[in-house]
Amino acid sequence: MQVLRSTIRIGTSDDLLSIFFTDPMCQSVSGRAQVLNRALAQRECLVATESERIVGFVIRNNEFFGQAFVPLLVVAESSRRAGIGMALLTEAEASCRRAKLFTTTNESNVAAQRLFEKCGFIPSGRIENLDDTDDELVYCKWLVRGA
């Protein structure tokens, strides 16, 4: 596995167009642009760049039953399996102020499931009927915090 030399920083509204190119689902998933705009405005979006080009991003917020939650993690297809997803999750964890961090993925997204488990997340349930044919799997990671 080749690890790209990427930099992770807080995303800004100037990054929105580049994020759209990174995430082809932005144009087809209802409300995705609104979620991204809000996350950028709230400084809840981290972007991974390589040679000034955005190759991935993660959104982290505190809106999952009062817990920290990663609703969206995307790595450009051409940059996958290079450690960027893991690096983005690690940075999201570092900025987390809660004891637990949750995330979800579709049952069909085996690559995301493997990434979450590799990063120390454990299966924590299933949500049926969000998508007609693809259940949502919930993952949790307990974060160690100093006293």
Protein backbone atom coordinates (compact mmCIF):
# COMPACT_ATOMS: atom_id res chain seq x y z
CA MET A 1 0.00 0.00 0.00
CA GLN A 2 1.47 3.32 -1.04
CA VAL A 3 0.86 6.18 1.38
CA LEU A 4 0.47 9.52 -0.31
CA ARG A 5 2.04 12.61 1.18
CA SER A 6 -1.07 14.56 2.06
CA THR A 7 -1.82 17.47 4.33
CA ILE A 8 -4.97 17.71 6.42
CA ARG A 9 -6.48 21.07 7.27
CA ILE A 10 -9.82 22.63 8.16
CA GLY A 11 -11.90 23.16 5.04
CA THR A 12 -13.18 26.58 4.00
CA SER A 13 -16.02 27.74 1.77
CA ASP A 14 -13.42 28.24 -0.97
CA ASP A 15 -12.97 24.43 -1.01
CA LEU A 16 -16.57 23.64 -1.93
CA LEU A 17 -16.07 23.30 -5.69
CA SER A 18 -12.98 21.12 -5.24
CA ILE A 19 -14.90 18.94 -2.79
CA PHE A 20 -17.62 18.51 -5.42
CA PHE A 21 -15.01 17.17 -7.83
CA THR A 22 -13.70 14.81 -5.13
CA ASP A 23 -17.18 13.48 -4.32
CA PRO A 24 -19.24 12.57 -7.39
CA MET A 25 -22.27 11.97 -5.13
CA CYS A 26 -22.53 15.71 -4.37
CA GLN A 27 -24.64 16.26 -7.45
CA SER A 28 -26.87 13.21 -7.07
CA VAL A 29 -27.54 12.92 -3.34
CA SER A 30 -30.26 15.25 -2.15
CA GLY A 31 -29.05 17.78 0.41
CA ARG A 32 -25.36 16.84 0.17
CA ALA A 33 -24.34 20.36 -0.91
CA GLN A 34 -26.25 21.84 2.05
CA VAL A 35 -24.52 19.46 4.46
CA LEU A 36 -21.13 20.43 3.04
CA ASN A 37 -21.87 24.17 3.11
CA ARG A 38 -22.97 23.94 6.74
CA ALA A 39 -19.96 21.84 7.76
CA LEU A 40 -17.56 24.26 6.08
CA ALA A 41 -19.23 27.25 7.74
CA GLN A 42 -19.11 25.54 11.16
CA ARG A 43 -15.47 24.45 10.67
CA GLU A 44 -16.55 20.80 10.95
CA CYS A 45 -15.02 19.70 7.64
CA LEU A 46 -11.43 18.56 7.34
CA VAL A 47 -9.87 18.20 3.90
CA ALA A 48 -6.87 16.16 2.80
CA THR A 49 -4.80 17.79 0.08
CA GLU A 50 -1.98 16.55 -2.06
CA SER A 51 -0.09 19.09 -4.13
CA GLU A 52 -2.84 21.64 -3.31
CA ARG A 53 -5.54 19.31 -4.73
CA ILE A 54 -8.27 18.02 -2.40
CA VAL A 55 -8.17 14.22 -2.36
CA GLY A 56 -10.58 13.59 0.51
CA PHE A 57 -12.63 15.08 3.30
CA VAL A 58 -14.40 14.17 6.52
CA ILE A 59 -17.21 15.88 8.40
CA ARG A 60 -17.41 15.56 12.16
CA ASN A 61 -20.12 17.02 14.35
CA ASN A 62 -21.94 16.42 17.64
CA GLU A 63 -25.42 15.69 16.36
CA PHE A 64 -25.85 11.96 16.96
CA PHE A 65 -27.82 11.74 20.22
CA GLY A 66 -25.41 14.27 21.71
CA GLN A 67 -22.41 12.21 20.64
CA ALA A 68 -19.67 12.97 18.13
CA PHE A 69 -20.54 11.67 14.69
CA VAL A 70 -18.85 11.34 11.31
CA PRO A 71 -21.71 11.60 8.81
CA LEU A 72 -19.48 11.72 5.76
CA LEU A 73 -16.00 10.51 4.83
CA VAL A 74 -14.98 10.62 1.17
CA VAL A 75 -11.66 9.86 -0.52
CA ALA A 76 -11.26 10.45 -4.25
CA GLU A 77 -11.35 7.15 -6.10
CA SER A 78 -7.85 7.70 -7.51
CA SER A 79 -6.45 8.21 -3.98
CA ARG A 80 -8.07 5.30 -2.15
CA ARG A 81 -6.10 2.65 -0.24
CA ALA A 82 -3.28 5.11 0.41
CA GLY A 83 -3.98 5.90 4.07
CA ILE A 84 -5.96 9.09 3.48
CA GLY A 85 -9.23 7.79 4.96
CA MET A 86 -7.39 6.59 8.05
CA ALA A 87 -5.58 9.93 8.38
CA LEU A 88 -8.86 11.86 8.08
CA LEU A 89 -10.53 9.69 10.73
CA THR A 90 -7.52 10.11 13.03
CA GLU A 91 -7.76 13.91 12.72
CA ALA A 92 -11.53 13.80 13.32
CA GLU A 93 -10.87 11.80 16.49
CA ALA A 94 -8.19 14.24 17.65
CA SER A 95 -10.63 17.15 17.43
CA CYS A 96 -13.39 15.20 19.18
CA ARG A 97 -14.48 16.41 22.61
CA ARG A 98 -16.74 13.45 23.41
CA ALA A 99 -15.99 10.02 24.89
CA LYS A 100 -17.36 8.21 21.85
CA LEU A 101 -17.24 8.78 18.11
CA PHE A 102 -19.89 7.20 15.88
CA THR A 103 -20.07 6.72 12.13
CA THR A 104 -22.18 4.72 9.69
CA THR A 105 -21.94 3.14 6.28
CA ASN A 106 -24.15 1.14 3.98
CA GLU A 107 -24.01 -2.63 4.34
CA SER A 108 -22.82 -2.80 0.72
CA ASN A 109 -19.78 -0.58 1.42
CA VAL A 110 -17.33 -3.27 2.50
CA ALA A 111 -14.31 -0.98 2.00
CA ALA A 112 -15.67 1.51 4.57
CA GLN A 113 -16.47 -1.29 7.00
CA ARG A 114 -12.88 -2.55 6.77
CA LEU A 115 -11.51 0.97 7.23
CA PHE A 116 -13.63 1.60 10.32
CA GLU A 117 -12.61 -1.69 11.88
CA LYS A 118 -8.94 -1.07 11.03
CA CYS A 119 -9.25 2.32 12.79
CA GLY A 120 -10.61 0.70 15.96
CA PHE A 121 -14.34 1.22 15.46
CA ILE A 122 -16.62 -1.59 16.56
CA PRO A 123 -20.00 -2.58 15.11
CA SER A 124 -22.74 -0.94 17.16
CA GLY A 125 -26.01 -1.67 15.41
CA ARG A 126 -28.00 -1.44 12.24
CA ILE A 127 -30.57 1.01 10.93
CA GLU A 128 -33.07 -0.52 8.56
CA ASN A 129 -35.19 1.27 5.96
CA LEU A 130 -33.07 4.40 5.44
CA ASP A 131 -32.30 3.12 1.96
CA ASP A 132 -34.79 0.79 0.34
CA THR A 133 -32.35 -2.08 -0.18
CA ASP A 134 -29.15 -1.28 1.72
CA ASP A 135 -29.18 -1.17 5.54
CA GLU A 136 -27.01 1.33 7.39
CA LEU A 137 -24.41 -0.15 9.74
CA VAL A 138 -23.46 1.86 12.84
CA TYR A 139 -19.92 1.89 14.23
CA CYS A 140 -18.58 3.30 17.50
CA LYS A 141 -15.12 4.07 18.81
CA TRP A 142 -14.46 4.76 22.48
CA LEU A 143 -11.92 7.56 22.72
CA VAL A 144 -9.46 7.75 25.59
CA ARG A 145 -9.51 11.20 27.17
CA GLY A 146 -7.20 12.54 29.88
CA ALA A 147 -8.64 13.22 33.30
